[in-house]
């Protein structure tokens, strides 16, 4: 699935069914509510609400084995989904900063 199809699904507020390979090459099937297409580190990612995990997740596009845009509409307002994504991203950033601070203080002991 190309970037144009993902962006169109986001604009139309349509769910996407994925067959996805995780970091340990385990394959799962997911239905996601795409929020944005962007870059993280060196990978292109889809930030989305994952029905299986019931939360915001990131999906690296190079790990998508199969994808299909569904006729099912996302029933939550996009503004609310984006707010949930921002909150999740802020919490992740805070955890990362705290871990980095803890690792830095370990060297001082």
PDB file of N, CA and C in Angstrom:
ATOM      1  N   UNK A   1       0.854  -1.175   0.000  1.00  0.00           N
ATOM      2  CA  UNK A   1       0.000   0.000   0.000  1.00  0.00           C
ATOM      3  C   UNK A   1       0.889   1.223   0.000  1.00  0.00           C
ATOM      4  N   UNK A   2       0.626   2.113  -0.909  1.00  0.00           N
ATOM      5  CA  UNK A   2       1.438   3.308  -1.031  1.00  0.00           C
ATOM      6  C   UNK A   2       0.995   4.429  -0.114  1.00  0.00           C
ATOM      7  N   UNK A   3       1.849   5.438  -0.038  1.00  0.00           N
ATOM      8  CA  UNK A   3       1.571   6.592   0.816  1.00  0.00           C
ATOM      9  C   UNK A   3       0.297   7.309   0.396  1.00  0.00           C
ATOM     10  N   UNK A   4       0.030   7.399  -0.896  1.00  0.00           N
ATOM     11  CA  UNK A   4      -1.173   8.092  -1.369  1.00  0.00           C
ATOM     12  C   UNK A   4      -2.441   7.403  -0.856  1.00  0.00           C
ATOM     13  N   UNK A   5      -2.452   6.081  -0.869  1.00  0.00           N
ATOM     14  CA  UNK A   5      -3.624   5.333  -0.387  1.00  0.00           C
ATOM     15  C   UNK A   5      -3.806   5.516   1.118  1.00  0.00           C
ATOM     16  N   UNK A   6      -2.709   5.575   1.847  1.00  0.00           N
ATOM     17  CA  UNK A   6      -2.786   5.787   3.296  1.00  0.00           C
ATOM     18  C   UNK A   6      -3.322   7.186   3.584  1.00  0.00           C
ATOM     19  N   UNK A   7      -2.783   8.197   2.892  1.00  0.00           N
ATOM     20  CA  UNK A   7      -3.261   9.571   3.098  1.00  0.00           C
ATOM     21  C   UNK A   7      -4.739   9.696   2.760  1.00  0.00           C
ATOM     22  N   UNK A   8      -5.181   9.020   1.696  1.00  0.00           N
ATOM     23  CA  UNK A   8      -6.590   9.065   1.308  1.00  0.00           C
ATOM     24  C   UNK A   8      -7.466   8.416   2.388  1.00  0.00           C
ATOM     25  N   UNK A   9      -7.011   7.303   2.948  1.00  0.00           N
ATOM     26  CA  UNK A   9      -7.757   6.652   4.027  1.00  0.00           C
ATOM     27  C   UNK A   9      -7.857   7.579   5.243  1.00  0.00           C
ATOM     28  N   UNK A  10      -6.793   8.307   5.532  1.00  0.00           N
ATOM     29  CA  UNK A  10      -6.822   9.258   6.644  1.00  0.00           C
ATOM     30  C   UNK A  10      -7.840  10.359   6.366  1.00  0.00           C
ATOM     31  N   UNK A  11      -7.785  10.939   5.181  1.00  0.00           N
ATOM     32  CA  UNK A  11      -8.729  12.016   4.823  1.00  0.00           C
ATOM     33  C   UNK A  11     -10.177  11.539   4.835  1.00  0.00           C
ATOM     34  N   UNK A  12     -10.401  10.316   4.373  1.00  0.00           N
ATOM     35  CA  UNK A  12     -11.765   9.772   4.310  1.00  0.00           C
ATOM     36  C   UNK A  12     -12.205   9.122   5.619  1.00  0.00           C
ATOM     37  N   UNK A  13     -11.282   9.047   6.591  1.00  0.00           N
ATOM     38  CA  UNK A  13     -11.560   8.465   7.901  1.00  0.00           C
ATOM     39  C   UNK A  13     -11.997   7.009   7.774  1.00  0.00           C
ATOM     40  N   UNK A  14     -11.194   6.236   7.015  1.00  0.00           N
ATOM     41  CA  UNK A  14     -11.472   4.821   6.808  1.00  0.00           C
ATOM     42  C   UNK A  14     -10.457   3.963   7.551  1.00  0.00           C
ATOM     43  N   UNK A  15     -10.922   2.849   8.053  1.00  0.00           N
ATOM     44  CA  UNK A  15     -10.053   1.893   8.721  1.00  0.00           C
ATOM     45  C   UNK A  15      -9.208   1.147   7.691  1.00  0.00           C
ATOM     46  N   UNK A  16      -8.087   0.618   8.155  1.00  0.00           N
ATOM     47  CA  UNK A  16      -7.193  -0.179   7.317  1.00  0.00           C
ATOM     48  C   UNK A  16      -6.946  -1.512   8.011  1.00  0.00           C
ATOM     49  N   UNK A  17      -7.080  -2.605   7.269  1.00  0.00           N
ATOM     50  CA  UNK A  17      -6.732  -3.936   7.770  1.00  0.00           C
ATOM     51  C   UNK A  17      -5.302  -4.233   7.337  1.00  0.00           C
ATOM     52  N   UNK A  18      -4.481  -4.663   8.281  1.00  0.00           N
ATOM     53  CA  UNK A  18      -3.073  -4.941   8.005  1.00  0.00           C
ATOM     54  C   UNK A  18      -2.710  -6.375   8.356  1.00  0.00           C
ATOM     55  N   UNK A  19      -1.807  -6.919   7.592  1.00  0.00           N
ATOM     56  CA  UNK A  19      -1.027  -8.074   8.021  1.00  0.00           C
ATOM     57  C   UNK A  19       0.345  -7.476   8.252  1.00  0.00           C
ATOM     58  N   UNK A  20       0.841  -7.595   9.489  1.00  0.00           N
ATOM     59  CA  UNK A  20       2.012  -6.844   9.920  1.00  0.00           C
ATOM     60  C   UNK A  20       3.043  -7.766  10.542  1.00  0.00           C
ATOM     61  N   UNK A  21       4.308  -7.504  10.279  1.00  0.00           N
ATOM     62  CA  UNK A  21       5.409  -8.266  10.861  1.00  0.00           C
ATOM     63  C   UNK A  21       6.105  -7.388  11.898  1.00  0.00           C
ATOM     64  N   UNK A  22       6.123  -7.831  13.160  1.00  0.00           N
ATOM     65  CA  UNK A  22       6.729  -7.010  14.206  1.00  0.00           C
ATOM     66  C   UNK A  22       8.251  -7.160  14.209  1.00  0.00           C
ATOM     67  N   UNK A  23       8.909  -6.541  15.191  1.00  0.00           N
ATOM     68  CA  UNK A  23      10.378  -6.531  15.250  1.00  0.00           C
ATOM     69  C   UNK A  23      10.983  -7.922  15.374  1.00  0.00           C
ATOM     70  N   UNK A  24      10.220  -8.899  15.865  1.00  0.00           N
ATOM     71  CA  UNK A  24      10.730 -10.272  15.974  1.00  0.00           C
ATOM     72  C   UNK A  24      10.200 -11.164  14.849  1.00  0.00           C
ATOM     73  N   UNK A  25       9.670 -10.535  13.789  1.00  0.00           N
ATOM     74  CA  UNK A  25       9.142 -11.211  12.595  1.00  0.00           C
ATOM     75  C   UNK A  25       7.875 -12.009  12.850  1.00  0.00           C
ATOM     76  N   UNK A  26       7.227 -11.774  13.978  1.00  0.00           N
ATOM     77  CA  UNK A  26       5.937 -12.410  14.231  1.00  0.00           C
ATOM     78  C   UNK A  26       4.862 -11.638  13.463  1.00  0.00           C
ATOM     79  N   UNK A  27       4.019 -12.371  12.735  1.00  0.00           N
ATOM     80  CA  UNK A  27       2.988 -11.732  11.926  1.00  0.00           C
ATOM     81  C   UNK A  27       1.657 -11.696  12.674  1.00  0.00           C
ATOM     82  N   UNK A  28       1.022 -10.545  12.601  1.00  0.00           N
ATOM     83  CA  UNK A  28      -0.294 -10.380  13.206  1.00  0.00           C
ATOM     84  C   UNK A  28      -1.206  -9.684  12.209  1.00  0.00           C
ATOM     85  N   UNK A  29      -2.490  -9.837  12.437  1.00  0.00           N
ATOM     86  CA  UNK A  29      -3.489  -9.106  11.659  1.00  0.00           C
ATOM     87  C   UNK A  29      -4.061  -8.028  12.564  1.00  0.00           C
ATOM     88  N   UNK A  30      -4.140  -6.828  12.041  1.00  0.00           N
ATOM     89  CA  UNK A  30      -4.623  -5.691  12.815  1.00  0.00           C
ATOM     90  C   UNK A  30      -5.630  -4.897  11.996  1.00  0.00           C
ATOM     91  N   UNK A  31      -6.550  -4.261  12.680  1.00  0.00           N
ATOM     92  CA  UNK A  31      -7.391  -3.234  12.071  1.00  0.00           C
ATOM     93  C   UNK A  31      -7.011  -1.946  12.779  1.00  0.00           C
ATOM     94  N   UNK A  32      -6.607  -0.962  11.977  1.00  0.00           N
ATOM     95  CA  UNK A  32      -6.140   0.301  12.552  1.00  0.00           C
ATOM     96  C   UNK A  32      -6.989   1.461  12.057  1.00  0.00           C
ATOM     97  N   UNK A  33      -6.969   2.521  12.850  1.00  0.00           N
ATOM     98  CA  UNK A  33      -7.600   3.786  12.484  1.00  0.00           C
ATOM     99  C   UNK A  33      -6.454   4.765  12.256  1.00  0.00           C
ATOM    100  N   UNK A  34      -6.038   4.959  11.018  1.00  0.00           N
ATOM    101  CA  UNK A  34      -4.855   5.787  10.759  1.00  0.00           C
ATOM    102  C   UNK A  34      -5.083   7.246  11.150  1.00  0.00           C
ATOM    103  N   UNK A  35      -4.082   7.811  11.809  1.00  0.00           N
ATOM    104  CA  UNK A  35      -4.135   9.205  12.243  1.00  0.00           C
ATOM    105  C   UNK A  35      -3.208  10.064  11.410  1.00  0.00           C
ATOM    106  N   UNK A  36      -1.981   9.569  11.214  1.00  0.00           N
ATOM    107  CA  UNK A  36      -1.030  10.331  10.406  1.00  0.00           C
ATOM    108  C   UNK A  36       0.014   9.409   9.811  1.00  0.00           C
ATOM    109  N   UNK A  37       0.593   9.883   8.744  1.00  0.00           N
ATOM    110  CA  UNK A  37       1.705   9.209   8.074  1.00  0.00           C
ATOM    111  C   UNK A  37       2.895  10.130   8.242  1.00  0.00           C
ATOM    112  N   UNK A  38       3.984   9.611   8.777  1.00  0.00           N
ATOM    113  CA  UNK A  38       5.145  10.468   9.010  1.00  0.00           C
ATOM    114  C   UNK A  38       6.415   9.661   9.085  1.00  0.00           C
ATOM    115  N   UNK A  39       7.432  10.278   9.661  1.00  0.00           N
ATOM    116  CA  UNK A  39       8.729   9.635   9.808  1.00  0.00           C
ATOM    117  C   UNK A  39       9.123   9.627  11.270  1.00  0.00           C
ATOM    118  N   UNK A  40       9.756   8.532  11.657  1.00  0.00           N
ATOM    119  CA  UNK A  40      10.269   8.384  13.011  1.00  0.00           C
ATOM    120  C   UNK A  40      11.621   7.706  12.871  1.00  0.00           C
ATOM    121  N   UNK A  41      12.632   8.361  13.393  1.00  0.00           N
ATOM    122  CA  UNK A  41      14.001   7.886  13.208  1.00  0.00           C
ATOM    123  C   UNK A  41      14.269   7.773  11.706  1.00  0.00           C
ATOM    124  N   UNK A  42      14.495   6.581  11.220  1.00  0.00           N
ATOM    125  CA  UNK A  42      14.804   6.405   9.793  1.00  0.00           C
ATOM    126  C   UNK A  42      13.685   5.702   9.036  1.00  0.00           C
ATOM    127  N   UNK A  43      12.534   5.529   9.663  1.00  0.00           N
ATOM    128  CA  UNK A  43      11.444   4.773   9.044  1.00  0.00           C
ATOM    129  C   UNK A  43      10.208   5.632   8.835  1.00  0.00           C
ATOM    130  N   UNK A  44       9.463   5.307   7.772  1.00  0.00           N
ATOM    131  CA  UNK A  44       8.152   5.920   7.578  1.00  0.00           C
ATOM    132  C   UNK A  44       7.167   5.116   8.416  1.00  0.00           C
ATOM    133  N   UNK A  45       6.306   5.811   9.142  1.00  0.00           N
ATOM    134  CA  UNK A  45       5.384   5.144  10.058  1.00  0.00           C
ATOM    135  C   UNK A  45       3.953   5.645   9.850  1.00  0.00           C
ATOM    136  N   UNK A  46       3.031   4.791  10.266  1.00  0.00           N
ATOM    137  CA  UNK A  46       1.638   5.193  10.382  1.00  0.00           C
ATOM    138  C   UNK A  46       1.359   5.236  11.884  1.00  0.00           C
ATOM    139  N   UNK A  47       0.943   6.380  12.385  1.00  0.00           N
ATOM    140  CA  UNK A  47       0.465   6.472  13.757  1.00  0.00           C
ATOM    141  C   UNK A  47      -1.030   6.178  13.682  1.00  0.00           C
ATOM    142  N   UNK A  48      -1.492   5.262  14.520  1.00  0.00           N
ATOM    143  CA  UNK A  48      -2.880   4.817  14.408  1.00  0.00           C
ATOM    144  C   UNK A  48      -3.392   4.283  15.736  1.00  0.00           C
ATOM    145  N   UNK A  49      -4.714   4.282  15.852  1.00  0.00           N
ATOM    146  CA  UNK A  49      -5.385   3.562  16.939  1.00  0.00           C
ATOM    147  C   UNK A  49      -5.480   2.118  16.486  1.00  0.00           C
ATOM    148  N   UNK A  50      -5.017   1.188  17.302  1.00  0.00           N
ATOM    149  CA  UNK A  50      -5.051  -0.229  16.977  1.00  0.00           C
ATOM    150  C   UNK A  50      -6.207  -0.874  17.727  1.00  0.00           C
ATOM    151  N   UNK A  51      -7.139  -1.476  16.997  1.00  0.00           N
ATOM    152  CA  UNK A  51      -8.277  -2.122  17.648  1.00  0.00           C
ATOM    153  C   UNK A  51      -7.844  -3.287  18.527  1.00  0.00           C
ATOM    154  N   UNK A  52      -6.851  -4.056  18.086  1.00  0.00           N
ATOM    155  CA  UNK A  52      -6.398  -5.211  18.852  1.00  0.00           C
ATOM    156  C   UNK A  52      -5.769  -4.797  20.187  1.00  0.00           C
ATOM    157  N   UNK A  53      -4.925  -3.790  20.172  1.00  0.00           N
ATOM    158  CA  UNK A  53      -4.230  -3.330  21.379  1.00  0.00           C
ATOM    159  C   UNK A  53      -5.007  -2.254  22.144  1.00  0.00           C
ATOM    160  N   UNK A  54      -6.070  -1.762  21.527  1.00  0.00           N
ATOM    161  CA  UNK A  54      -6.907  -0.727  22.124  1.00  0.00           C
ATOM    162  C   UNK A  54      -6.087   0.478  22.582  1.00  0.00           C
ATOM    163  N   UNK A  55      -5.250   0.947  21.667  1.00  0.00           N
ATOM    164  CA  UNK A  55      -4.426   2.111  21.981  1.00  0.00           C
ATOM    165  C   UNK A  55      -3.672   2.591  20.761  1.00  0.00           C
ATOM    166  N   UNK A  56      -2.962   3.693  20.946  1.00  0.00           N
ATOM    167  CA  UNK A  56      -2.154   4.271  19.876  1.00  0.00           C
ATOM    168  C   UNK A  56      -0.917   3.411  19.677  1.00  0.00           C
ATOM    169  N   UNK A  57      -0.644   3.093  18.436  1.00  0.00           N
ATOM    170  CA  UNK A  57       0.537   2.317  18.071  1.00  0.00           C
ATOM    171  C   UNK A  57       1.149   2.924  16.818  1.00  0.00           C
ATOM    172  N   UNK A  58       2.416   2.575  16.589  1.00  0.00           N
ATOM    173  CA  UNK A  58       3.131   3.007  15.391  1.00  0.00           C
ATOM    174  C   UNK A  58       3.430   1.776  14.550  1.00  0.00           C
ATOM    175  N   UNK A  59       3.180   1.894  13.258  1.00  0.00           N
ATOM    176  CA  UNK A  59       3.403   0.785  12.331  1.00  0.00           C
ATOM    177  C   UNK A  59       4.388   1.234  11.262  1.00  0.00           C
ATOM    178  N   UNK A  60       5.538   0.565  11.218  1.00  0.00           N
ATOM    179  CA  UNK A  60       6.539   0.888  10.194  1.00  0.00           C
ATOM    180  C   UNK A  60       6.040   0.359   8.853  1.00  0.00           C
ATOM    181  N   UNK A  61       6.014   1.222   7.863  1.00  0.00           N
ATOM    182  CA  UNK A  61       5.423   0.830   6.584  1.00  0.00           C
ATOM    183  C   UNK A  61       6.195  -0.299   5.906  1.00  0.00           C
ATOM    184  N   UNK A  62       7.490  -0.411   6.153  1.00  0.00           N
ATOM    185  CA  UNK A  62       8.248  -1.496   5.512  1.00  0.00           C
ATOM    186  C   UNK A  62       7.925  -2.856   6.119  1.00  0.00           C
ATOM    187  N   UNK A  63       7.243  -2.882   7.252  1.00  0.00           N
ATOM    188  CA  UNK A  63       6.853  -4.146   7.885  1.00  0.00           C
ATOM    189  C   UNK A  63       5.420  -4.569   7.537  1.00  0.00           C
ATOM    190  N   UNK A  64       4.740  -3.755   6.756  1.00  0.00           N
ATOM    191  CA  UNK A  64       3.387  -4.113   6.343  1.00  0.00           C
ATOM    192  C   UNK A  64       3.480  -5.126   5.204  1.00  0.00           C
ATOM    193  N   UNK A  65       2.907  -6.297   5.412  1.00  0.00           N
ATOM    194  CA  UNK A  65       2.944  -7.363   4.416  1.00  0.00           C
ATOM    195  C   UNK A  65       1.772  -7.219   3.453  1.00  0.00           C
ATOM    196  N   UNK A  66       0.595  -6.967   4.001  1.00  0.00           N
ATOM    197  CA  UNK A  66      -0.617  -6.755   3.206  1.00  0.00           C
ATOM    198  C   UNK A  66      -1.412  -5.636   3.864  1.00  0.00           C
ATOM    199  N   UNK A  67      -2.144  -4.890   3.060  1.00  0.00           N
ATOM    200  CA  UNK A  67      -3.007  -3.839   3.613  1.00  0.00           C
ATOM    201  C   UNK A  67      -4.209  -3.651   2.703  1.00  0.00           C
ATOM    202  N   UNK A  68      -5.327  -3.359   3.343  1.00  0.00           N
ATOM    203  CA  UNK A  68      -6.557  -3.113   2.600  1.00  0.00           C
ATOM    204  C   UNK A  68      -7.329  -2.002   3.305  1.00  0.00           C
ATOM    205  N   UNK A  69      -7.692  -0.981   2.535  1.00  0.00           N
ATOM    206  CA  UNK A  69      -8.550   0.071   3.078  1.00  0.00           C
ATOM    207  C   UNK A  69      -9.963  -0.499   3.141  1.00  0.00           C
ATOM    208  N   UNK A  70     -10.561  -0.412   4.313  1.00  0.00           N
ATOM    209  CA  UNK A  70     -11.896  -0.970   4.519  1.00  0.00           C
ATOM    210  C   UNK A  70     -12.973   0.085   4.263  1.00  0.00           C
ATOM    211  N   UNK A  71     -14.177  -0.376   4.030  1.00  0.00           N
ATOM    212  CA  UNK A  71     -15.303   0.542   3.876  1.00  0.00           C
ATOM    213  C   UNK A  71     -15.783   1.055   5.236  1.00  0.00           C
ATOM    214  N   UNK A  72     -15.291   0.454   6.313  1.00  0.00           N
ATOM    215  CA  UNK A  72     -15.677   0.857   7.666  1.00  0.00           C
ATOM    216  C   UNK A  72     -15.111   2.238   7.979  1.00  0.00           C
ATOM    217  N   UNK A  73     -15.977   3.112   8.453  1.00  0.00           N
ATOM    218  CA  UNK A  73     -15.548   4.457   8.838  1.00  0.00           C
ATOM    219  C   UNK A  73     -15.071   4.468  10.280  1.00  0.00           C
ATOM    220  N   UNK A  74     -14.161   5.380  10.550  1.00  0.00           N
ATOM    221  CA  UNK A  74     -13.701   5.611  11.919  1.00  0.00           C
ATOM    222  C   UNK A  74     -14.780   6.431  12.605  1.00  0.00           C
ATOM    223  N   UNK A  75     -15.323   5.906  13.690  1.00  0.00           N
ATOM    224  CA  UNK A  75     -16.452   6.564  14.335  1.00  0.00           C
ATOM    225  C   UNK A  75     -16.050   7.640  15.340  1.00  0.00           C
ATOM    226  N   UNK A  76     -14.787   7.745  15.667  1.00  0.00           N
ATOM    227  CA  UNK A  76     -14.324   8.774  16.590  1.00  0.00           C
ATOM    228  C   UNK A  76     -13.857   9.999  15.800  1.00  0.00           C
ATOM    229  N   UNK A  77     -14.125  11.184  16.322  1.00  0.00           N
ATOM    230  CA  UNK A  77     -13.694  12.406  15.633  1.00  0.00           C
ATOM    231  C   UNK A  77     -12.176  12.431  15.513  1.00  0.00           C
ATOM    232  N   UNK A  78     -11.689  12.898  14.360  1.00  0.00           N
ATOM    233  CA  UNK A  78     -10.250  12.922  14.106  1.00  0.00           C
ATOM    234  C   UNK A  78      -9.535  13.824  15.109  1.00  0.00           C
ATOM    235  N   UNK A  79     -10.169  14.913  15.520  1.00  0.00           N
ATOM    236  CA  UNK A  79      -9.556  15.790  16.517  1.00  0.00           C
ATOM    237  C   UNK A  79      -9.296  15.062  17.829  1.00  0.00           C
ATOM    238  N   UNK A  80     -10.223  14.199  18.228  1.00  0.00           N
ATOM    239  CA  UNK A  80     -10.033  13.416  19.453  1.00  0.00           C
ATOM    240  C   UNK A  80      -8.913  12.390  19.287  1.00  0.00           C
ATOM    241  N   UNK A  81      -8.861  11.747  18.129  1.00  0.00           N
ATOM    242  CA  UNK A  81      -7.782  10.784  17.881  1.00  0.00           C
ATOM    243  C   UNK A  81      -6.422  11.472  17.898  1.00  0.00           C
ATOM    244  N   UNK A  82      -6.335  12.635  17.270  1.00  0.00           N
ATOM    245  CA  UNK A  82      -5.062  13.369  17.263  1.00  0.00           C
ATOM    246  C   UNK A  82      -4.663  13.773  18.678  1.00  0.00           C
ATOM    247  N   UNK A  83      -5.637  14.178  19.490  1.00  0.00           N
ATOM    248  CA  UNK A  83      -5.341  14.538  20.880  1.00  0.00           C
ATOM    249  C   UNK A  83      -4.820  13.315  21.643  1.00  0.00           C
ATOM    250  N   UNK A  84      -5.422  12.153  21.427  1.00  0.00           N
ATOM    251  CA  UNK A  84      -4.937  10.924  22.073  1.00  0.00           C
ATOM    252  C   UNK A  84      -3.524  10.607  21.617  1.00  0.00           C
ATOM    253  N   UNK A  85      -3.262  10.790  20.320  1.00  0.00           N
ATOM    254  CA  UNK A  85      -1.917  10.544  19.797  1.00  0.00           C
ATOM    255  C   UNK A  85      -0.916  11.505  20.439  1.00  0.00           C
ATOM    256  N   UNK A  86      -1.261  12.794  20.525  1.00  0.00           N
ATOM    257  CA  UNK A  86      -0.353  13.766  21.145  1.00  0.00           C
ATOM    258  C   UNK A  86      -0.074  13.399  22.603  1.00  0.00           C
ATOM    259  N   UNK A  87      -1.112  13.012  23.338  1.00  0.00           N
ATOM    260  CA  UNK A  87      -0.925  12.617  24.738  1.00  0.00           C
ATOM    261  C   UNK A  87      -0.015  11.400  24.852  1.00  0.00           C
ATOM    262  N   UNK A  88      -0.223  10.409  23.982  1.00  0.00           N
ATOM    263  CA  UNK A  88       0.622   9.204  23.988  1.00  0.00           C
ATOM    264  C   UNK A  88       2.062   9.563  23.626  1.00  0.00           C
ATOM    265  N   UNK A  89       2.250  10.439  22.640  1.00  0.00           N
ATOM    266  CA  UNK A  89       3.597  10.853  22.232  1.00  0.00           C
ATOM    267  C   UNK A  89       4.284  11.626  23.352  1.00  0.00           C
ATOM    268  N   UNK A  90       3.544  12.503  24.028  1.00  0.00           N
ATOM    269  CA  UNK A  90       4.114  13.258  25.152  1.00  0.00           C
ATOM    270  C   UNK A  90       4.535  12.321  26.284  1.00  0.00           C
ATOM    271  N   UNK A  91       3.690  11.331  26.594  1.00  0.00           N
ATOM    272  CA  UNK A  91       4.012  10.373  27.654  1.00  0.00           C
ATOM    273  C   UNK A  91       5.252   9.552  27.279  1.00  0.00           C
ATOM    274  N   UNK A  92       5.343   9.151  26.015  1.00  0.00           N
ATOM    275  CA  UNK A  92       6.508   8.388  25.565  1.00  0.00           C
ATOM    276  C   UNK A  92       7.776   9.235  25.651  1.00  0.00           C
ATOM    277  N   UNK A  93       7.685  10.491  25.229  1.00  0.00           N
ATOM    278  CA  UNK A  93       8.836  11.394  25.285  1.00  0.00           C
ATOM    279  C   UNK A  93       9.283  11.593  26.734  1.00  0.00           C
ATOM    280  N   UNK A  94       8.332  11.738  27.655  1.00  0.00           N
ATOM    281  CA  UNK A  94       8.656  11.920  29.071  1.00  0.00           C
ATOM    282  C   UNK A  94       9.361  10.689  29.629  1.00  0.00           C
ATOM    283  N   UNK A  95       8.849   9.480  29.283  1.00  0.00           N
ATOM    284  CA  UNK A  95       9.504   8.237  29.730  1.00  0.00           C
ATOM    285  C   UNK A  95      10.935   8.164  29.214  1.00  0.00           C
ATOM    286  N   UNK A  96      11.124   8.517  27.940  1.00  0.00           N
ATOM    287  CA  UNK A  96      12.452   8.477  27.333  1.00  0.00           C
ATOM    288  C   UNK A  96      13.398   9.440  28.058  1.00  0.00           C
ATOM    289  N   UNK A  97      12.924  10.654  28.329  1.00  0.00           N
ATOM    290  CA  UNK A  97      13.757  11.639  29.014  1.00  0.00           C
ATOM    291  C   UNK A  97      14.115  11.186  30.425  1.00  0.00           C
ATOM    292  N   UNK A  98      13.153  10.588  31.127  1.00  0.00           N
ATOM    293  CA  UNK A  98      13.418  10.101  32.486  1.00  0.00           C
ATOM    294  C   UNK A  98      14.419   8.951  32.475  1.00  0.00           C
ATOM    295  N   UNK A  99      14.282   8.040  31.498  1.00  0.00           N
ATOM    296  CA  UNK A  99      15.239   6.935  31.385  1.00  0.00           C
ATOM    297  C   UNK A  99      16.636   7.458  31.084  1.00  0.00           C
ATOM    298  N   UNK A 100      16.720   8.445  30.195  1.00  0.00           N
ATOM    299  CA  UNK A 100      18.023   9.016  29.843  1.00  0.00           C
ATOM    300  C   UNK A 100      18.635   9.723  31.056  1.00  0.00           C
ATOM    301  N   UNK A 101      17.798  10.408  31.826  1.00  0.00           N
ATOM    302  CA  UNK A 101      18.285  11.092  33.028  1.00  0.00           C
ATOM    303  C   UNK A 101      18.771  10.078  34.053  1.00  0.00           C
ATOM    304  N   UNK A 102      18.010   8.981  34.224  1.00  0.00           N
ATOM    305  CA  UNK A 102      18.404   7.945  35.178  1.00  0.00           C
ATOM    306  C   UNK A 102      19.728   7.294  34.760  1.00  0.00           C
ATOM    307  N   UNK A 103      19.887   7.052  33.467  1.00  0.00           N
ATOM    308  CA  UNK A 103      21.136   6.445  32.990  1.00  0.00           C
ATOM    309  C   UNK A 103      22.312   7.395  33.200  1.00  0.00           C
ATOM    310  N   UNK A 104      22.067   8.681  33.002  1.00  0.00           N
ATOM    311  CA  UNK A 104      23.130   9.678  33.208  1.00  0.00           C
ATOM    312  C   UNK A 104      23.527   9.801  34.653  1.00  0.00           C
ATOM    313  N   UNK A 105      22.588   9.690  35.574  1.00  0.00           N
ATOM    314  CA  UNK A 105      22.900   9.812  37.005  1.00  0.00           C
ATOM    315  C   UNK A 105      23.568   8.556  37.528  1.00  0.00           C
ATOM    316  N   UNK A 106      23.380   7.407  36.874  1.00  0.00           N
ATOM    317  CA  UNK A 106      24.037   6.173  37.309  1.00  0.00           C
ATOM    318  C   UNK A 106      25.556   6.304  37.197  1.00  0.00           C
ATOM    319  N   UNK A 107      26.010   7.036  36.197  1.00  0.00           N
ATOM    320  CA  UNK A 107      27.445   7.226  36.011  1.00  0.00           C
ATOM    321  C   UNK A 107      28.064   8.106  37.079  1.00  0.00           C
ATOM    322  N   UNK A 108      27.223   8.877  37.795  1.00  0.00           N
ATOM    323  CA  UNK A 108      27.726   9.766  38.826  1.00  0.00           C
ATOM    324  C   UNK A 108      27.893   9.093  40.173  1.00  0.00           C
ATOM    325  N   UNK A 109      27.340   7.909  40.329  1.00  0.00           N
ATOM    326  CA  UNK A 109      27.411   7.206  41.629  1.00  0.00           C
ATOM    327  C   UNK A 109      28.686   6.469  41.824  1.00  0.00           C
TER     328      UNK A 109
END
